[in-house]
């Protein structure tokens, strides 16, 4: 039985991570889900949040994603992220700008659905800021 699988994190600019991993916690738009080896196929949009990657041996990496898409099959997980930043490299000025952008999105929302989505993004960004 497999105890690892391939994980790739891709942004519009480049391949950010390509590793053999033990598990990944994904911030799905319908809720967080953990991907393990031999996971059933899933296609999910992402909400702003943190991807928790557990490498073989227990080492962890945490990566903030703004939005994107996750595709899971039994042997792999691929995340196409709109934006992704390793929390170890997260710049507080960058995060502050993301929060300002999200606040503008809430203020500029043309309908309640858009406003709710923008507010959820803003709330998640503020949670990440508090966690740092």
Protein backbone atom coordinates (compact mmCIF):
# COMPACT_ATOMS: atom_id res chain seq x y z
CA UNK A 1 0.00 0.00 0.00
CA UNK A 2 1.34 3.42 -0.96
CA UNK A 3 2.27 5.80 1.85
CA UNK A 4 3.16 8.80 -0.32
CA UNK A 5 1.93 10.55 -3.46
CA UNK A 6 3.06 13.30 -5.83
CA UNK A 7 2.07 16.89 -5.03
CA UNK A 8 2.50 19.78 -7.43
CA UNK A 9 1.69 23.42 -6.72
CA UNK A 10 1.57 25.63 -9.78
CA UNK A 11 1.02 29.38 -10.06
CA UNK A 12 0.55 31.34 -13.29
CA UNK A 13 4.25 32.25 -13.16
CA UNK A 14 5.89 28.91 -12.36
CA UNK A 15 5.95 25.51 -10.71
CA UNK A 16 6.25 26.35 -6.99
CA UNK A 17 6.52 22.86 -5.54
CA UNK A 18 6.86 19.34 -6.87
CA UNK A 19 7.39 16.83 -4.07
CA UNK A 20 6.58 13.36 -2.90
CA UNK A 21 4.41 13.91 0.20
CA UNK A 22 2.57 11.98 2.90
CA UNK A 23 -0.51 14.21 3.15
CA UNK A 24 -1.85 17.66 2.25
CA UNK A 25 -4.59 19.68 3.96
CA UNK A 26 -6.39 21.71 1.27
CA UNK A 27 -8.61 24.78 1.87
CA UNK A 28 -11.48 23.77 -0.41
CA UNK A 29 -14.29 26.20 -1.15
CA UNK A 30 -16.74 23.80 0.51
CA UNK A 31 -14.43 23.18 3.48
CA UNK A 32 -10.96 21.87 4.25
CA UNK A 33 -10.10 18.35 3.14
CA UNK A 34 -7.06 16.16 3.66
CA UNK A 35 -5.53 14.32 0.73
CA UNK A 36 -3.81 11.03 1.54
CA UNK A 37 -2.32 8.36 -0.75
CA UNK A 38 -4.94 6.53 -2.84
CA UNK A 39 -7.48 9.33 -2.34
CA UNK A 40 -10.65 9.18 -4.42
CA UNK A 41 -10.70 11.54 -7.42
CA UNK A 42 -11.84 15.05 -6.50
CA UNK A 43 -11.97 18.38 -8.30
CA UNK A 44 -12.43 21.41 -6.00
CA UNK A 45 -12.10 25.15 -6.13
CA UNK A 46 -10.04 26.73 -3.36
CA UNK A 47 -10.82 29.54 -0.98
CA UNK A 48 -8.10 31.73 0.47
CA UNK A 49 -6.27 29.74 3.10
CA UNK A 50 -3.24 27.72 4.01
CA UNK A 51 -2.16 24.45 2.43
CA UNK A 52 -0.50 22.24 5.06
CA UNK A 53 1.94 19.83 3.41
CA UNK A 54 3.39 16.91 5.38
CA UNK A 55 6.51 15.45 3.81
CA UNK A 56 7.82 11.93 4.47
CA UNK A 57 9.53 11.95 7.86
CA UNK A 58 7.07 14.48 9.25
CA UNK A 59 8.61 17.74 8.04
CA UNK A 60 5.90 20.31 7.21
CA UNK A 61 5.47 23.23 4.85
CA UNK A 62 2.66 25.78 5.03
CA UNK A 63 1.71 27.74 1.93
CA UNK A 64 -0.88 30.50 1.65
CA UNK A 65 -3.07 30.38 -1.47
CA UNK A 66 -5.41 33.17 -2.52
CA UNK A 67 -7.64 31.04 -4.77
CA UNK A 68 -7.34 28.25 -7.29
CA UNK A 69 -8.27 24.72 -8.22
CA UNK A 70 -7.28 21.34 -6.74
CA UNK A 71 -7.34 18.12 -8.74
CA UNK A 72 -6.89 14.85 -6.85
CA UNK A 73 -6.48 11.32 -8.13
CA UNK A 74 -5.22 8.21 -6.28
CA UNK A 75 -1.55 8.92 -7.15
CA UNK A 76 -1.35 12.71 -7.13
CA UNK A 77 -2.62 16.15 -6.12
CA UNK A 78 -2.19 19.16 -8.37
CA UNK A 79 -3.09 22.63 -7.18
CA UNK A 80 -3.34 25.48 -9.65
CA UNK A 81 -3.14 28.57 -7.45
CA UNK A 82 -4.02 32.11 -8.42
CA UNK A 83 -1.39 33.23 -5.88
CA UNK A 84 0.74 31.19 -3.51
CA UNK A 85 3.30 32.23 -0.90
CA UNK A 86 5.22 29.98 1.48
CA UNK A 87 4.41 31.19 5.01
CA UNK A 88 8.14 31.18 5.80
CA UNK A 89 8.56 33.74 3.01
CA UNK A 90 5.39 35.73 3.66
CA UNK A 91 6.03 39.44 3.64
CA UNK A 92 3.79 41.37 6.05
CA UNK A 93 3.65 44.31 3.60
CA UNK A 94 2.41 41.95 0.87
CA UNK A 95 -0.25 40.57 3.22
CA UNK A 96 -1.32 44.09 4.22
CA UNK A 97 -1.74 44.95 0.52
CA UNK A 98 -3.80 41.78 -0.04
CA UNK A 99 -6.05 42.84 2.86
CA UNK A 100 -6.47 46.33 1.40
CA UNK A 101 -7.34 44.79 -1.99
CA UNK A 102 -9.91 42.51 -0.35
CA UNK A 103 -11.43 45.46 1.54
CA UNK A 104 -11.82 47.28 -1.79
CA UNK A 105 -13.43 44.18 -3.31
CA UNK A 106 -16.00 44.16 -0.48
CA UNK A 107 -16.70 47.89 -0.93
CA UNK A 108 -16.99 47.58 -4.72
CA UNK A 109 -19.19 44.46 -4.76
CA UNK A 110 -22.18 44.88 -7.09
CA UNK A 111 -24.40 42.21 -5.50
CA UNK A 112 -24.75 40.21 -2.31
CA UNK A 113 -23.12 37.01 -3.67
CA UNK A 114 -20.02 38.90 -4.77
CA UNK A 115 -19.95 40.83 -1.48
CA UNK A 116 -20.22 37.61 0.55
CA UNK A 117 -17.37 35.96 -1.39
CA UNK A 118 -15.21 39.08 -1.02
CA UNK A 119 -15.96 39.27 2.71
CA UNK A 120 -15.01 35.61 3.14
CA UNK A 121 -11.69 36.29 1.43
CA UNK A 122 -11.10 39.32 3.64
CA UNK A 123 -11.94 37.36 6.79
CA UNK A 124 -9.53 34.57 5.82
CA UNK A 125 -6.71 37.04 5.11
CA UNK A 126 -7.24 38.66 8.50
CA UNK A 127 -7.10 35.24 10.16
CA UNK A 128 -3.75 34.57 8.49
CA UNK A 129 -2.49 37.98 9.59
CA UNK A 130 -3.49 37.20 13.19
CA UNK A 131 -1.83 33.79 13.02
CA UNK A 132 1.50 35.38 12.09
